[in-house]
N, C-alpha and C. Protein backbone atom coordinates (compact mmCIF):
# COMPACT_ATOMS: atom_id res chain seq x y z
N MET A 1 82.10 103.27 49.21
CA MET A 1 82.94 102.74 50.27
C MET A 1 84.38 102.79 49.81
N ALA A 2 85.25 103.17 50.72
CA ALA A 2 86.68 103.12 50.46
C ALA A 2 87.35 102.50 51.67
N VAL A 3 88.13 101.45 51.44
CA VAL A 3 88.90 100.79 52.49
C VAL A 3 90.34 100.74 52.00
N ARG A 4 91.26 101.28 52.81
CA ARG A 4 92.66 101.30 52.41
C ARG A 4 93.57 100.96 53.58
N LEU A 5 94.64 100.24 53.28
CA LEU A 5 95.68 99.96 54.26
C LEU A 5 96.94 100.71 53.83
N PHE A 6 97.66 101.23 54.82
CA PHE A 6 98.87 102.00 54.56
C PHE A 6 100.03 101.40 55.34
N SER A 7 101.16 101.17 54.67
CA SER A 7 102.35 100.70 55.37
C SER A 7 103.25 101.86 55.79
N GLU A 8 102.88 103.06 55.40
CA GLU A 8 103.60 104.28 55.78
C GLU A 8 102.61 105.24 56.45
N PRO A 9 103.12 106.24 57.20
CA PRO A 9 102.21 107.21 57.83
C PRO A 9 101.29 107.87 56.79
N PHE A 10 100.07 108.15 57.23
CA PHE A 10 99.11 108.85 56.38
C PHE A 10 98.44 109.96 57.17
N ASP A 11 97.97 110.97 56.44
CA ASP A 11 97.27 112.10 57.04
C ASP A 11 95.77 111.85 56.93
N PRO A 12 95.11 111.56 58.04
CA PRO A 12 93.68 111.25 57.96
C PRO A 12 92.84 112.42 57.46
N TRP A 13 93.24 113.63 57.79
CA TRP A 13 92.45 114.80 57.40
C TRP A 13 92.56 115.05 55.90
N SER A 14 93.70 114.71 55.31
CA SER A 14 93.82 114.80 53.85
C SER A 14 92.89 113.80 53.17
N LEU A 15 92.79 112.60 53.75
CA LEU A 15 91.89 111.59 53.18
C LEU A 15 90.44 112.05 53.26
N VAL A 16 90.08 112.67 54.39
CA VAL A 16 88.72 113.18 54.54
C VAL A 16 88.46 114.27 53.50
N ARG A 17 89.39 115.21 53.38
CA ARG A 17 89.22 116.29 52.38
C ARG A 17 89.12 115.74 50.97
N GLU A 18 89.98 114.79 50.63
CA GLU A 18 89.96 114.19 49.29
C GLU A 18 88.61 113.52 49.02
N ARG A 19 88.14 112.77 50.01
CA ARG A 19 86.86 112.07 49.83
C ARG A 19 85.71 113.05 49.67
N GLU A 20 85.73 114.13 50.45
CA GLU A 20 84.66 115.11 50.35
C GLU A 20 84.63 115.80 48.99
N GLN A 21 85.76 115.85 48.29
CA GLN A 21 85.79 116.40 46.93
C GLN A 21 84.95 115.54 45.98
N GLU A 22 84.82 114.26 46.30
CA GLU A 22 84.10 113.30 45.44
C GLU A 22 82.63 113.16 45.80
N LEU A 23 82.24 113.63 46.98
CA LEU A 23 80.89 113.39 47.48
C LEU A 23 79.94 114.55 47.19
N PRO A 24 78.64 114.25 47.09
CA PRO A 24 77.64 115.31 46.93
C PRO A 24 77.36 115.95 48.30
N MET A 25 78.25 116.82 48.74
CA MET A 25 78.17 117.37 50.09
C MET A 25 76.87 118.12 50.36
N GLU A 26 76.20 118.63 49.31
CA GLU A 26 74.94 119.32 49.52
C GLU A 26 73.84 118.37 50.01
N LYS A 27 74.05 117.07 49.88
CA LYS A 27 73.08 116.08 50.34
C LYS A 27 73.49 115.42 51.67
N LEU A 28 74.68 115.74 52.14
CA LEU A 28 75.22 115.09 53.33
C LEU A 28 75.36 116.12 54.45
N GLY A 29 74.41 116.12 55.35
CA GLY A 29 74.38 117.11 56.40
C GLY A 29 75.22 116.77 57.62
N ALA A 30 75.77 115.54 57.65
CA ALA A 30 76.51 115.14 58.85
C ALA A 30 77.73 114.31 58.47
N ALA A 31 78.76 114.45 59.28
CA ALA A 31 79.95 113.61 59.17
C ALA A 31 80.37 113.23 60.57
N SER A 32 80.75 111.98 60.74
CA SER A 32 81.33 111.52 61.99
C SER A 32 82.69 110.94 61.65
N VAL A 33 83.72 111.47 62.29
CA VAL A 33 85.09 111.07 61.98
C VAL A 33 85.78 110.63 63.26
N PHE A 34 86.38 109.44 63.19
CA PHE A 34 87.21 108.96 64.30
C PHE A 34 88.62 108.77 63.78
N VAL A 35 89.58 109.34 64.49
CA VAL A 35 90.99 109.15 64.19
C VAL A 35 91.63 108.55 65.44
N GLY A 36 92.23 107.38 65.28
CA GLY A 36 92.92 106.73 66.39
C GLY A 36 94.41 106.76 66.17
N ARG A 37 95.15 107.10 67.21
CA ARG A 37 96.62 107.16 67.14
C ARG A 37 97.23 106.18 68.13
N MET A 38 98.45 105.80 67.87
CA MET A 38 99.15 104.91 68.77
C MET A 38 99.58 105.67 70.02
N ARG A 39 99.28 105.09 71.18
CA ARG A 39 99.71 105.66 72.46
C ARG A 39 101.11 105.15 72.79
N ASP A 40 101.79 105.85 73.69
CA ASP A 40 103.11 105.40 74.15
C ASP A 40 103.01 104.61 75.45
N PHE A 41 101.83 104.11 75.77
CA PHE A 41 101.63 103.26 76.94
C PHE A 41 100.50 102.28 76.66
N ASN A 42 100.55 101.14 77.34
CA ASN A 42 99.49 100.14 77.27
C ASN A 42 99.67 99.19 78.43
N ASP A 43 98.61 98.86 79.10
CA ASP A 43 98.66 97.93 80.23
C ASP A 43 99.77 98.30 81.22
N ALA A 44 99.82 99.59 81.57
CA ALA A 44 100.74 100.12 82.59
C ALA A 44 102.21 99.99 82.21
N GLN A 45 102.52 99.92 80.91
CA GLN A 45 103.91 99.87 80.48
C GLN A 45 104.15 100.90 79.38
N ASP A 46 105.39 101.42 79.34
CA ASP A 46 105.79 102.35 78.29
C ASP A 46 106.03 101.57 77.00
N ILE A 47 105.49 102.09 75.91
CA ILE A 47 105.62 101.44 74.60
C ILE A 47 106.45 102.35 73.70
N ARG A 48 107.43 101.79 73.02
CA ARG A 48 108.30 102.55 72.12
C ARG A 48 107.89 102.41 70.66
N GLY A 49 107.07 101.41 70.36
CA GLY A 49 106.63 101.21 68.99
C GLY A 49 105.80 99.94 68.89
N MET A 50 105.35 99.67 67.68
CA MET A 50 104.50 98.50 67.49
C MET A 50 104.66 98.03 66.05
N PHE A 51 104.48 96.73 65.85
CA PHE A 51 104.40 96.18 64.51
C PHE A 51 103.01 95.57 64.37
N LEU A 52 102.27 96.03 63.38
CA LEU A 52 100.90 95.56 63.16
C LEU A 52 100.89 94.63 61.96
N GLU A 53 100.68 93.36 62.23
CA GLU A 53 100.66 92.35 61.17
C GLU A 53 99.24 92.16 60.66
N HIS A 54 99.14 91.70 59.40
CA HIS A 54 97.84 91.42 58.79
C HIS A 54 98.04 90.41 57.67
N TYR A 55 96.93 89.87 57.17
CA TYR A 55 96.95 89.01 55.99
C TYR A 55 96.52 89.85 54.79
N PRO A 56 97.45 90.20 53.90
CA PRO A 56 97.06 91.00 52.73
C PRO A 56 95.93 90.32 51.96
N GLY A 57 95.00 91.11 51.52
CA GLY A 57 93.84 90.60 50.81
C GLY A 57 92.73 90.20 51.76
N MET A 58 93.02 89.33 52.70
CA MET A 58 92.02 88.88 53.67
C MET A 58 91.60 90.03 54.58
N THR A 59 92.55 90.82 55.04
CA THR A 59 92.22 91.93 55.94
C THR A 59 91.35 92.95 55.23
N GLU A 60 91.70 93.30 54.00
CA GLU A 60 90.89 94.27 53.25
C GLU A 60 89.48 93.74 53.03
N ARG A 61 89.36 92.45 52.68
CA ARG A 61 88.02 91.86 52.47
C ARG A 61 87.18 91.92 53.74
N GLU A 62 87.79 91.65 54.87
CA GLU A 62 87.05 91.69 56.13
C GLU A 62 86.60 93.11 56.45
N LEU A 63 87.48 94.10 56.24
CA LEU A 63 87.09 95.49 56.46
C LEU A 63 85.97 95.89 55.49
N GLU A 64 86.07 95.48 54.24
CA GLU A 64 85.02 95.78 53.26
C GLU A 64 83.69 95.16 53.67
N ARG A 65 83.73 93.93 54.22
CA ARG A 65 82.50 93.28 54.69
C ARG A 65 81.86 94.07 55.83
N ILE A 66 82.68 94.52 56.78
CA ILE A 66 82.16 95.30 57.91
C ILE A 66 81.51 96.58 57.41
N VAL A 67 82.17 97.27 56.49
CA VAL A 67 81.62 98.52 55.96
C VAL A 67 80.36 98.25 55.14
N ALA A 68 80.37 97.21 54.32
CA ALA A 68 79.18 96.88 53.50
C ALA A 68 77.98 96.58 54.39
N GLU A 69 78.19 95.89 55.49
CA GLU A 69 77.08 95.60 56.41
C GLU A 69 76.56 96.87 57.06
N ALA A 70 77.45 97.80 57.37
CA ALA A 70 77.00 99.09 57.91
C ALA A 70 76.22 99.87 56.86
N GLU A 71 76.70 99.85 55.62
CA GLU A 71 76.00 100.56 54.55
C GLU A 71 74.63 99.95 54.27
N PHE A 72 74.49 98.65 54.48
CA PHE A 72 73.19 98.00 54.32
C PHE A 72 72.25 98.42 55.46
N ARG A 73 72.79 98.47 56.68
CA ARG A 73 71.98 98.85 57.85
C ARG A 73 71.56 100.32 57.78
N TRP A 74 72.48 101.19 57.33
CA TRP A 74 72.20 102.62 57.19
C TRP A 74 72.40 102.98 55.71
N PRO A 75 71.39 102.80 54.87
CA PRO A 75 71.56 102.98 53.41
C PRO A 75 71.99 104.38 52.99
N SER A 76 71.83 105.37 53.84
CA SER A 76 72.16 106.74 53.43
C SER A 76 73.61 107.11 53.70
N ILE A 77 74.44 106.17 54.20
CA ILE A 77 75.81 106.54 54.58
C ILE A 77 76.82 106.29 53.46
N THR A 78 77.92 107.01 53.56
CA THR A 78 79.10 106.81 52.72
C THR A 78 80.29 106.74 53.67
N CYS A 79 81.21 105.82 53.41
CA CYS A 79 82.29 105.56 54.37
C CYS A 79 83.68 105.63 53.76
N GLU A 80 84.63 105.94 54.63
CA GLU A 80 86.06 105.89 54.32
C GLU A 80 86.74 105.25 55.53
N VAL A 81 87.47 104.17 55.30
CA VAL A 81 88.21 103.50 56.37
C VAL A 81 89.65 103.34 55.91
N ALA A 82 90.56 103.77 56.76
CA ALA A 82 91.99 103.62 56.49
C ALA A 82 92.65 103.07 57.74
N HIS A 83 93.64 102.19 57.57
CA HIS A 83 94.31 101.57 58.71
C HIS A 83 95.78 101.38 58.37
N ARG A 84 96.63 101.60 59.37
CA ARG A 84 98.06 101.35 59.22
C ARG A 84 98.36 99.88 59.44
N VAL A 85 99.43 99.44 58.81
CA VAL A 85 100.03 98.13 59.04
C VAL A 85 101.54 98.33 59.08
N GLY A 86 102.25 97.32 59.56
CA GLY A 86 103.71 97.41 59.60
C GLY A 86 104.21 98.11 60.86
N SER A 87 105.36 98.76 60.74
CA SER A 87 106.01 99.40 61.88
C SER A 87 105.37 100.76 62.16
N ILE A 88 104.98 100.96 63.42
CA ILE A 88 104.25 102.17 63.82
C ILE A 88 104.90 102.74 65.08
N ASP A 89 104.99 104.07 65.13
CA ASP A 89 105.56 104.76 66.28
C ASP A 89 104.46 105.48 67.05
N PRO A 90 104.69 105.74 68.35
CA PRO A 90 103.71 106.51 69.11
C PRO A 90 103.37 107.82 68.41
N ALA A 91 102.12 108.19 68.47
CA ALA A 91 101.52 109.38 67.86
C ALA A 91 101.18 109.19 66.39
N ASP A 92 101.67 108.10 65.75
CA ASP A 92 101.26 107.83 64.36
C ASP A 92 99.77 107.51 64.32
N THR A 93 99.12 107.94 63.25
CA THR A 93 97.72 107.58 63.05
C THR A 93 97.63 106.09 62.74
N LEU A 94 96.77 105.40 63.48
CA LEU A 94 96.52 103.97 63.27
C LEU A 94 95.30 103.73 62.40
N VAL A 95 94.24 104.49 62.66
CA VAL A 95 92.98 104.20 62.00
C VAL A 95 92.18 105.47 61.77
N LEU A 96 91.49 105.48 60.64
CA LEU A 96 90.51 106.51 60.31
C LEU A 96 89.22 105.81 59.96
N VAL A 97 88.14 106.21 60.60
CA VAL A 97 86.79 105.81 60.19
C VAL A 97 86.01 107.10 60.01
N ALA A 98 85.58 107.35 58.79
CA ALA A 98 84.79 108.55 58.48
C ALA A 98 83.49 108.10 57.83
N VAL A 99 82.40 108.68 58.31
CA VAL A 99 81.07 108.32 57.78
C VAL A 99 80.31 109.62 57.53
N TRP A 100 79.74 109.71 56.33
CA TRP A 100 78.91 110.85 55.95
C TRP A 100 77.49 110.35 55.76
N SER A 101 76.53 111.19 56.15
CA SER A 101 75.12 110.84 56.00
C SER A 101 74.30 112.12 55.94
N ALA A 102 73.06 111.98 55.54
CA ALA A 102 72.15 113.13 55.56
C ALA A 102 71.84 113.54 57.00
N HIS A 103 71.95 112.58 57.93
CA HIS A 103 71.54 112.84 59.32
C HIS A 103 72.63 112.42 60.31
N ARG A 104 72.74 113.17 61.41
CA ARG A 104 73.81 112.96 62.38
C ARG A 104 73.75 111.61 63.08
N VAL A 105 72.56 111.12 63.41
CA VAL A 105 72.46 109.86 64.16
C VAL A 105 73.01 108.70 63.34
N ALA A 106 72.67 108.64 62.07
CA ALA A 106 73.19 107.57 61.21
C ALA A 106 74.70 107.67 61.09
N ALA A 107 75.23 108.87 60.89
CA ALA A 107 76.68 109.04 60.76
C ALA A 107 77.39 108.63 62.05
N ARG A 108 76.88 109.10 63.18
CA ARG A 108 77.50 108.79 64.48
C ARG A 108 77.44 107.31 64.79
N ASP A 109 76.26 106.72 64.66
CA ASP A 109 76.08 105.31 65.02
C ASP A 109 76.85 104.39 64.09
N ALA A 110 76.84 104.67 62.81
CA ALA A 110 77.58 103.84 61.85
C ALA A 110 79.08 103.92 62.10
N CYS A 111 79.59 105.11 62.37
CA CYS A 111 81.01 105.29 62.65
C CYS A 111 81.41 104.46 63.88
N ALA A 112 80.63 104.55 64.93
CA ALA A 112 80.94 103.81 66.16
C ALA A 112 80.89 102.30 65.92
N GLU A 113 79.89 101.84 65.18
CA GLU A 113 79.78 100.39 64.94
C GLU A 113 80.93 99.89 64.07
N ILE A 114 81.26 100.61 63.02
CA ILE A 114 82.37 100.19 62.15
C ILE A 114 83.66 100.11 62.96
N LEU A 115 83.92 101.11 63.78
CA LEU A 115 85.14 101.11 64.58
C LEU A 115 85.19 99.92 65.54
N GLU A 116 84.11 99.69 66.27
CA GLU A 116 84.12 98.59 67.24
C GLU A 116 84.26 97.24 66.55
N ARG A 117 83.58 97.06 65.44
CA ARG A 117 83.69 95.79 64.71
C ARG A 117 85.09 95.63 64.13
N LEU A 118 85.66 96.69 63.61
CA LEU A 118 87.03 96.65 63.10
C LEU A 118 87.99 96.20 64.19
N LYS A 119 87.85 96.78 65.39
CA LYS A 119 88.76 96.46 66.49
C LYS A 119 88.66 94.99 66.92
N HIS A 120 87.47 94.39 66.77
CA HIS A 120 87.27 93.04 67.29
C HIS A 120 87.20 91.95 66.22
N GLU A 121 86.98 92.32 64.96
CA GLU A 121 86.79 91.31 63.92
C GLU A 121 87.86 91.31 62.83
N ALA A 122 88.48 92.42 62.57
CA ALA A 122 89.45 92.49 61.48
C ALA A 122 90.73 91.74 61.87
N PRO A 123 91.32 91.00 60.93
CA PRO A 123 92.52 90.22 61.25
C PRO A 123 93.79 91.07 61.27
N PHE A 124 94.05 91.64 62.44
CA PHE A 124 95.28 92.38 62.73
C PHE A 124 95.90 91.76 63.98
N TRP A 125 97.24 91.73 64.03
CA TRP A 125 97.94 91.24 65.21
C TRP A 125 98.99 92.26 65.59
N LYS A 126 98.97 92.69 66.86
CA LYS A 126 99.85 93.75 67.33
C LYS A 126 100.98 93.18 68.19
N ARG A 127 102.21 93.58 67.85
CA ARG A 127 103.40 93.22 68.64
C ARG A 127 104.03 94.53 69.10
N GLU A 128 104.00 94.76 70.41
CA GLU A 128 104.53 96.01 70.96
C GLU A 128 106.00 95.89 71.32
N ARG A 129 106.74 97.00 71.12
CA ARG A 129 108.13 97.12 71.56
C ARG A 129 108.12 97.92 72.86
N LEU A 130 108.54 97.30 73.93
CA LEU A 130 108.52 97.95 75.24
C LEU A 130 109.78 98.77 75.45
N SER A 131 109.73 99.66 76.44
CA SER A 131 110.85 100.57 76.71
C SER A 131 112.10 99.82 77.16
N ASP A 132 111.96 98.61 77.70
CA ASP A 132 113.13 97.84 78.13
C ASP A 132 113.76 97.04 76.99
N GLY A 133 113.22 97.17 75.77
CA GLY A 133 113.76 96.47 74.61
C GLY A 133 113.06 95.16 74.29
N SER A 134 112.23 94.68 75.20
CA SER A 134 111.52 93.43 74.93
C SER A 134 110.29 93.69 74.06
N GLU A 135 109.68 92.62 73.59
CA GLU A 135 108.46 92.71 72.78
C GLU A 135 107.40 91.82 73.40
N ARG A 136 106.13 92.16 73.10
CA ARG A 136 105.02 91.31 73.54
C ARG A 136 103.88 91.44 72.55
N TRP A 137 103.10 90.37 72.44
CA TRP A 137 101.90 90.39 71.62
C TRP A 137 100.77 90.98 72.43
N VAL A 138 99.95 91.80 71.80
CA VAL A 138 98.76 92.37 72.45
C VAL A 138 97.67 91.30 72.35
N GLU A 139 97.17 90.90 73.50
CA GLU A 139 96.19 89.82 73.53
C GLU A 139 94.75 90.28 73.45
N LYS A 140 94.49 91.56 73.79
CA LYS A 140 93.11 92.06 73.72
C LYS A 140 93.13 93.55 73.45
N ASN A 141 92.06 94.01 72.83
CA ASN A 141 91.91 95.44 72.59
C ASN A 141 91.38 96.13 73.84
N THR A 142 91.64 97.40 73.96
CA THR A 142 91.09 98.15 75.09
C THR A 142 89.57 98.24 74.91
N PRO A 143 88.83 98.31 76.00
CA PRO A 143 87.37 98.40 75.90
C PRO A 143 86.95 99.64 75.13
N GLY A 144 85.85 99.53 74.40
CA GLY A 144 85.36 100.64 73.59
C GLY A 144 84.62 101.69 74.37
N ARG A 145 84.27 101.42 75.59
CA ARG A 145 83.49 102.38 76.37
C ARG A 145 84.11 102.58 77.74
């Protein structure tokens, strides 16, 4: 398991490639990768940026707990989770969830569960900068389906 927070932009595909260099890829027939980026709109308003707050240490522990529970449920998986914090601009990568497994169903299902739990359980707080110069706190995540 790897869980990392970044205060600067990161390349999710580089993280995937780096992780695959460490893995026994001959035993892993499937990978499910989700990359989420910041949109320039939310709730029918133009967004110019966002500040993503977190509790250092606590946020990482919560993400590690979510991943550990997924690894317990699907013992054959290996995971990489990366998330941005701090000041973020539209099109910046916000989150990477990558899961490798011997089988596609485990990789797909574990990736989806980790992502949904991360969105609803991890201690992050989003403050959006609107196009008119004002700011607002995001009160809820967009639905997963």
